[in-house]
Each structure stands twice: as C-alpha cells, then as structure tokens.
Amino acid sequence: MKLKRRSNSATSERLLSIIKAVTKTDPKEINPLNGKITRRHDVAEVRMIFYKIMKEHEHWSLARAANVFDYDHATAYNGIN
C-alpha cells in the first residue's frame, strides 16, 4: 500500500501569507527583467525567515523548504547560517 505524501502547500502557503502580511514583502516576487525570483536583499531575507521557521518549527528538511521557491538545499543552508 502506498502512503500519500503530506502536502506542502497548505502549511507553506499559510506561512507565506503571514510573512507577506507582516513584512509587506512578497517572498515569491518575480524580477520582470528575467522572469526569475528576485534576488533583492529585502526579499531574500524574507525567504530566509521562511526557511528558518519551516526547519525549526515544522521540521521540514532544507531541501523541502527551498523547493517551495525552486531552489536547492544549499541555498536554504546558506541563508540560515
């Protein structure tokens, strides 16, 4: 019997909406010049908050948290250290 994997979207989307409301910054903001997630410092800091909360309080792996933004675990690791 295959077990269903718990959905990331409900928890992560709820946290993203809270972070967006509190910081007034969208962590998934897209750079209009290249169509990728922006690397602006204020936006990157918001993503680092997300990584830290998901790792320490939701017990997500760094790879899982970084995957929300289409990054890999190394990006999340460098962000929280």
Protein backbone atom coordinates (compact mmCIF):
# COMPACT_ATOMS: atom_id res chain seq x y z
CA MET A 1 0.00 0.00 0.00
CA LYS A 2 1.36 3.40 -1.00
CA LEU A 3 1.15 6.16 1.55
CA LYS A 4 0.12 9.59 0.41
CA ARG A 5 2.71 12.24 0.98
CA ARG A 6 1.57 15.14 3.10
CA SER A 7 1.00 18.24 1.04
CA ASN A 8 3.49 21.07 1.47
CA SER A 9 1.20 23.66 0.04
CA ALA A 10 -1.24 24.23 2.91
CA THR A 11 1.40 24.84 5.56
CA SER A 12 3.83 26.69 3.33
CA GLU A 13 1.19 28.88 1.69
CA ARG A 14 -0.25 29.80 5.10
CA LEU A 15 3.19 30.80 6.38
CA LEU A 16 3.99 32.69 3.18
CA SER A 17 0.78 34.70 3.51
CA ILE A 18 1.59 35.54 7.15
CA ILE A 19 5.15 36.59 6.26
CA LYS A 20 3.86 38.68 3.36
CA ALA A 21 1.32 40.44 5.60
CA VAL A 22 3.81 41.16 8.38
CA THR A 23 6.78 42.23 6.26
CA LYS A 24 4.84 43.78 3.36
CA THR A 25 7.21 41.83 1.08
CA ASP A 26 6.32 39.01 -1.30
CA PRO A 27 8.93 36.23 -0.97
CA LYS A 28 7.94 34.92 -4.41
CA GLU A 29 8.38 38.30 -6.13
CA ILE A 30 9.44 37.90 -9.76
CA ASN A 31 12.10 40.05 -11.40
CA PRO A 32 10.43 41.47 -14.54
CA LEU A 33 13.72 41.55 -16.44
CA ASN A 34 14.45 37.82 -16.35
CA GLY A 35 11.25 36.18 -15.06
CA LYS A 36 13.02 34.58 -12.08
CA ILE A 37 12.51 35.08 -8.36
CA THR A 38 14.18 38.36 -7.43
CA ARG A 39 17.47 38.42 -5.55
CA ARG A 40 16.80 41.79 -3.89
CA HIS A 41 18.12 41.78 -0.32
CA ASP A 42 14.82 42.53 1.41
CA VAL A 43 13.05 39.74 -0.48
CA ALA A 44 15.89 37.27 0.12
CA GLU A 45 15.72 37.98 3.87
CA VAL A 46 12.03 37.11 3.89
CA ARG A 47 12.82 33.76 2.24
CA MET A 48 15.46 33.10 4.90
CA ILE A 49 12.84 33.67 7.60
CA PHE A 50 10.64 31.10 5.85
CA TYR A 51 13.49 28.54 5.72
CA LYS A 52 14.30 29.00 9.41
CA ILE A 53 10.69 28.68 10.58
CA MET A 54 9.97 25.63 8.44
CA LYS A 55 13.15 23.87 9.58
CA GLU A 56 12.89 24.62 13.30
CA HIS A 57 9.14 24.62 13.90
CA GLU A 58 7.67 22.43 11.16
CA HIS A 59 10.67 20.05 10.99
CA TRP A 60 11.00 20.31 7.23
CA SER A 61 14.25 19.45 5.53
CA LEU A 62 16.11 22.33 3.94
CA ALA A 63 15.56 20.74 0.53
CA ARG A 64 11.80 20.69 1.08
CA ALA A 65 11.71 24.32 2.26
CA ALA A 66 13.92 25.55 -0.59
CA ASN A 67 11.85 23.63 -3.13
CA VAL A 68 8.92 25.99 -2.43
CA PHE A 69 10.94 28.66 -4.27
CA ASP A 70 12.51 26.27 -6.80
CA TYR A 71 15.89 26.44 -5.07
CA ASP A 72 18.01 23.62 -3.66
CA HIS A 73 19.01 22.81 -0.09
CA ALA A 74 22.34 24.66 -0.39
CA THR A 75 20.53 27.95 -0.90
CA ALA A 76 18.47 27.43 2.24
CA TYR A 77 21.52 26.28 4.20
CA ASN A 78 23.50 29.39 3.26
CA GLY A 79 20.53 31.55 4.10
CA ILE A 80 20.07 30.38 7.66
CA ASN A 81 23.76 30.12 8.59
